[in-house]
Protein backbone atom coordinates (compact mmCIF):
# COMPACT_ATOMS: atom_id res chain seq x y z
CA MET A 1 -15.46 -11.86 9.04
CA ALA A 2 -13.40 -9.16 7.44
CA ARG A 3 -10.83 -10.10 4.92
CA SER A 4 -7.32 -8.86 4.85
CA VAL A 5 -6.07 -6.01 2.67
CA SER A 6 -2.56 -5.92 1.32
CA TYR A 7 -0.40 -2.99 0.17
CA GLN A 8 2.99 -2.38 -1.38
CA VAL A 9 5.02 0.85 -1.46
CA VAL A 10 6.57 1.45 -4.86
CA GLN A 11 9.32 4.05 -5.34
CA ARG A 12 9.21 5.49 -8.72
CA PRO A 13 12.08 6.62 -10.97
CA ASP A 14 11.20 10.36 -10.32
CA GLY A 15 11.80 9.77 -6.57
CA HIS A 16 8.11 9.86 -5.56
CA PHE A 17 6.25 7.04 -4.01
CA ASP A 18 3.00 5.21 -4.86
CA ILE A 19 1.02 3.00 -2.55
CA ALA A 20 -0.79 -0.03 -4.21
CA VAL A 21 -3.60 -1.36 -1.98
CA THR A 22 -5.24 -4.73 -3.04
CA LEU A 23 -8.46 -5.66 -1.49
CA ALA A 24 -9.47 -9.27 -0.86
CA GLY A 25 -11.61 -9.35 -3.99
CA GLY A 26 -8.55 -8.67 -6.17
CA ARG A 27 -9.30 -4.89 -7.02
CA THR A 28 -6.23 -2.77 -6.62
CA HIS A 29 -6.33 1.05 -5.83
CA TYR A 30 -3.38 3.45 -5.76
CA ARG A 31 -2.35 6.47 -3.93
CA GLU A 32 0.15 8.01 -6.34
CA GLY A 33 2.88 10.73 -6.22
CA LEU A 34 3.63 10.91 -2.56
CA ALA A 35 6.72 13.10 -2.18
CA THR A 36 8.50 11.74 0.80
CA ARG A 37 8.67 8.63 2.98
CA ALA A 38 6.98 10.56 5.73
CA ASP A 39 4.05 11.22 3.43
CA VAL A 40 3.80 7.44 2.84
CA ASP A 41 4.01 6.77 6.52
CA ARG A 42 1.11 9.18 7.13
CA ALA A 43 -1.07 7.80 4.31
CA LEU A 44 -0.39 4.07 5.68
CA ASP A 45 -1.28 5.25 9.31
CA LEU A 46 -4.70 6.47 8.09
CA LEU A 47 -5.15 3.25 6.02
CA ARG A 48 -4.25 1.19 9.22
CA ASP A 49 -6.92 3.11 11.15
CA LEU A 50 -9.49 2.74 8.52
CA MET A 51 -8.92 -1.07 8.10
CA ALA A 52 -8.91 -1.64 11.95
CA SER A 53 -12.31 0.11 12.29
CA CYS A 54 -13.55 -2.42 9.62
CA GLY A 55 -11.78 -5.27 11.34
CA ALA A 56 -9.66 -5.93 8.33
CA PRO A 57 -5.89 -6.68 8.80
CA LEU A 58 -3.49 -4.76 6.72
CA ILE A 59 -0.64 -6.88 5.39
CA GLU A 60 2.49 -5.50 3.66
CA GLU A 61 3.43 -7.53 0.59
CA PRO A 62 6.96 -8.05 -0.25
CA PRO A 63 8.36 -5.73 -3.03
CA LEU A 64 8.21 -7.12 -6.57
CA ARG A 65 11.52 -8.30 -7.82
CA GLU A 66 12.91 -6.72 -11.07
CA ALA A 67 13.36 -9.14 -14.01
CA ALA A 68 16.72 -10.73 -14.33
CA GLU A 69 18.74 -9.48 -17.07
C-alpha cells in the first residue's frame, strides 16, 4: 500500500514561492524559486500526476503559523 505524501507552499519574502514535499518516511524535498502562483500550480499538477501513478495520495498541509510576538 502506498503511503501519502504531503506538501506546503511557502511564499518567500522576495515574492517567489517554494514547495516543500514531505514523504512518508519524513524526508523533505524542495522545489524552490517559483516565480508565480501559476508556476506553483503547474508544478503541483505534475506532482499530483506522479503520485497518482504510484497510488500515493497527495495531501496539502496547513501553512505554518508565525511565532507570536
